[in-house]
Amino acid sequence: KIMQIIENWAEVSGTITSIQKSKKIDAFLELAVNIHSEKYVKGFKNLLTDFKAKTLTVLVRESHVPNIKALLNKKVQFSVRKANLISYFMDEKSLKEIK
């Protein structure tokens, strides 16, 4: 059975509750994010509509977020895409703290 690839992005806001090195992918971190809200990115399908008010594990390239530990337990906003049934990747350039 062939898996269909759907280009997708969502903009989410939430609180980073943990940060750890990924056991699955070298040079990546796994961020546990308690999702507060999600919204569509114009022109893309949103595959995160089921994750409101739940914790989502997001993968991010460690070298692209050198100061990520400063955002632990802080409210942040970023874009994320679902890569397969169990993996979600952050667009590091979109990451910002919400004050």
C-alpha atoms as a PDB file:
ATOM      1  CA  LYS A   1       0.000   0.000   0.000  1.00  0.00           C
ATOM      2  CA  ILE A   2       1.397   3.390  -0.984  1.00  0.00           C
ATOM      3  CA  MET A   3       1.276   6.254   1.498  1.00  0.00           C
ATOM      4  CA  GLN A   4       0.086   9.528   0.000  1.00  0.00           C
ATOM      5  CA  ILE A   5       2.230  12.580   0.745  1.00  0.00           C
ATOM      6  CA  ILE A   6       0.298  15.744   1.550  1.00  0.00           C
ATOM      7  CA  GLU A   7       2.150  19.058   1.815  1.00  0.00           C
ATOM      8  CA  ASN A   8       0.950  20.473   5.138  1.00  0.00           C
ATOM      9  CA  TRP A   9       1.761  23.209   7.644  1.00  0.00           C
ATOM     10  CA  ALA A  10       0.063  24.573  10.741  1.00  0.00           C
ATOM     11  CA  GLU A  11       0.927  27.506  12.956  1.00  0.00           C
ATOM     12  CA  VAL A  12       0.744  26.532  16.600  1.00  0.00           C
ATOM     13  CA  SER A  13       1.167  28.210  19.941  1.00  0.00           C
ATOM     14  CA  GLY A  14       1.948  26.302  23.086  1.00  0.00           C
ATOM     15  CA  THR A  15       4.303  25.782  26.004  1.00  0.00           C
ATOM     16  CA  ILE A  16       7.529  23.786  25.659  1.00  0.00           C
ATOM     17  CA  THR A  17       7.404  21.352  28.589  1.00  0.00           C
ATOM     18  CA  SER A  18      10.523  19.273  27.860  1.00  0.00           C
ATOM     19  CA  ILE A  19      13.563  19.229  25.600  1.00  0.00           C
ATOM     20  CA  GLN A  20      15.670  16.122  24.954  1.00  0.00           C
ATOM     21  CA  LYS A  21      17.956  14.674  22.314  1.00  0.00           C
ATOM     22  CA  SER A  22      16.061  12.564  19.816  1.00  0.00           C
ATOM     23  CA  LYS A  23      16.638   8.832  20.127  1.00  0.00           C
ATOM     24  CA  LYS A  24      15.294   8.375  16.583  1.00  0.00           C
ATOM     25  CA  ILE A  25      17.168  10.965  14.523  1.00  0.00           C
ATOM     26  CA  ASP A  26      20.769  12.090  15.087  1.00  0.00           C
ATOM     27  CA  ALA A  27      21.341  15.852  15.483  1.00  0.00           C
ATOM     28  CA  PHE A  28      17.672  16.499  16.317  1.00  0.00           C
ATOM     29  CA  LEU A  29      15.915  17.449  19.547  1.00  0.00           C
ATOM     30  CA  GLU A  30      12.474  16.325  20.643  1.00  0.00           C
ATOM     31  CA  LEU A  31      10.368  19.089  22.159  1.00  0.00           C
ATOM     32  CA  ALA A  32       7.239  18.229  24.099  1.00  0.00           C
ATOM     33  CA  VAL A  33       4.816  21.072  23.463  1.00  0.00           C
ATOM     34  CA  ASN A  34       1.486  21.521  25.230  1.00  0.00           C
ATOM     35  CA  ILE A  35      -0.528  22.895  22.303  1.00  0.00           C
ATOM     36  CA  HIS A  36      -2.801  25.844  23.190  1.00  0.00           C
ATOM     37  CA  SER A  37      -3.996  26.645  19.671  1.00  0.00           C
ATOM     38  CA  GLU A  38      -3.403  25.810  16.039  1.00  0.00           C
ATOM     39  CA  LYS A  39      -4.417  27.504  12.839  1.00  0.00           C
ATOM     40  CA  TYR A  40      -4.153  27.036   9.116  1.00  0.00           C
ATOM     41  CA  VAL A  41      -1.262  28.353   7.036  1.00  0.00           C
ATOM     42  CA  LYS A  42      -2.740  29.787   3.843  1.00  0.00           C
ATOM     43  CA  GLY A  43      -2.334  27.435   0.903  1.00  0.00           C
ATOM     44  CA  PHE A  44      -1.572  24.325   2.972  1.00  0.00           C
ATOM     45  CA  LYS A  45      -3.608  21.516   4.506  1.00  0.00           C
ATOM     46  CA  ASN A  46      -3.631  21.501   8.334  1.00  0.00           C
ATOM     47  CA  LEU A  47      -3.089  17.979   9.698  1.00  0.00           C
ATOM     48  CA  LEU A  48      -2.964  19.095  13.353  1.00  0.00           C
ATOM     49  CA  THR A  49      -6.645  19.748  13.963  1.00  0.00           C
ATOM     50  CA  ASP A  50      -6.789  16.789  16.384  1.00  0.00           C
ATOM     51  CA  PHE A  51      -4.027  18.118  18.657  1.00  0.00           C
ATOM     52  CA  LYS A  52      -5.734  21.046  20.393  1.00  0.00           C
ATOM     53  CA  ALA A  53      -4.967  21.099  24.125  1.00  0.00           C
ATOM     54  CA  LYS A  54      -2.743  18.020  23.876  1.00  0.00           C
ATOM     55  CA  THR A  55       0.990  17.454  24.065  1.00  0.00           C
ATOM     56  CA  LEU A  56       2.741  17.069  20.737  1.00  0.00           C
ATOM     57  CA  THR A  57       6.339  15.877  20.280  1.00  0.00           C
ATOM     58  CA  VAL A  58       8.055  18.054  17.683  1.00  0.00           C
ATOM     59  CA  LEU A  59      11.434  17.368  16.083  1.00  0.00           C
ATOM     60  CA  VAL A  60      13.844  20.242  15.446  1.00  0.00           C
ATOM     61  CA  ARG A  61      17.432  20.274  14.167  1.00  0.00           C
ATOM     62  CA  GLU A  62      19.609  20.960  17.236  1.00  0.00           C
ATOM     63  CA  SER A  63      22.118  23.168  15.394  1.00  0.00           C
ATOM     64  CA  HIS A  64      19.325  25.490  14.214  1.00  0.00           C
ATOM     65  CA  VAL A  65      18.046  26.313  17.726  1.00  0.00           C
ATOM     66  CA  PRO A  66      21.170  26.880  19.889  1.00  0.00           C
ATOM     67  CA  ASN A  67      19.246  28.837  22.552  1.00  0.00           C
ATOM     68  CA  ILE A  68      16.232  26.529  22.771  1.00  0.00           C
ATOM     69  CA  LYS A  69      16.766  25.728  26.483  1.00  0.00           C
ATOM     70  CA  ALA A  70      15.913  29.360  27.315  1.00  0.00           C
ATOM     71  CA  LEU A  71      12.399  28.654  25.995  1.00  0.00           C
ATOM     72  CA  LEU A  72      11.681  25.712  28.325  1.00  0.00           C
ATOM     73  CA  ASN A  73       8.351  26.327  30.098  1.00  0.00           C
ATOM     74  CA  LYS A  74       7.739  29.412  27.939  1.00  0.00           C
ATOM     75  CA  LYS A  75       4.873  30.067  25.567  1.00  0.00           C
ATOM     76  CA  VAL A  76       6.019  29.952  21.948  1.00  0.00           C
ATOM     77  CA  GLN A  77       4.631  30.095  18.432  1.00  0.00           C
ATOM     78  CA  PHE A  78       5.970  28.193  15.394  1.00  0.00           C
ATOM     79  CA  SER A  79       5.050  26.429  12.174  1.00  0.00           C
ATOM     80  CA  VAL A  80       5.003  22.638  12.116  1.00  0.00           C
ATOM     81  CA  ARG A  81       4.399  19.933   9.554  1.00  0.00           C
ATOM     82  CA  LYS A  82       3.385  16.330   9.896  1.00  0.00           C
ATOM     83  CA  ALA A  83       5.965  14.182   8.069  1.00  0.00           C
ATOM     84  CA  ASN A  84       4.431  10.730   8.607  1.00  0.00           C
ATOM     85  CA  LEU A  85       2.071   9.016  11.019  1.00  0.00           C
ATOM     86  CA  ILE A  86       4.254   9.715  14.076  1.00  0.00           C
ATOM     87  CA  SER A  87       6.726  12.512  13.212  1.00  0.00           C
ATOM     88  CA  TYR A  88       6.231  16.274  13.319  1.00  0.00           C
ATOM     89  CA  PHE A  89       8.916  18.778  12.307  1.00  0.00           C
ATOM     90  CA  MET A  90       9.260  22.430  13.301  1.00  0.00           C
ATOM     91  CA  ASP A  91      10.254  25.191  10.912  1.00  0.00           C
ATOM     92  CA  GLU A  92      13.032  26.606  13.116  1.00  0.00           C
ATOM     93  CA  LYS A  93      12.925  30.011  11.420  1.00  0.00           C
ATOM     94  CA  SER A  94       9.318  30.477  12.567  1.00  0.00           C
ATOM     95  CA  LEU A  95      10.024  29.880  16.291  1.00  0.00           C
ATOM     96  CA  LYS A  96       9.363  32.858  18.552  1.00  0.00           C
ATOM     97  CA  GLU A  97       8.495  33.435  22.180  1.00  0.00           C
ATOM     98  CA  ILE A  98       5.082  34.881  22.974  1.00  0.00           C
ATOM     99  CA  LYS A  99       5.265  37.413  25.793  1.00  0.00           C
END
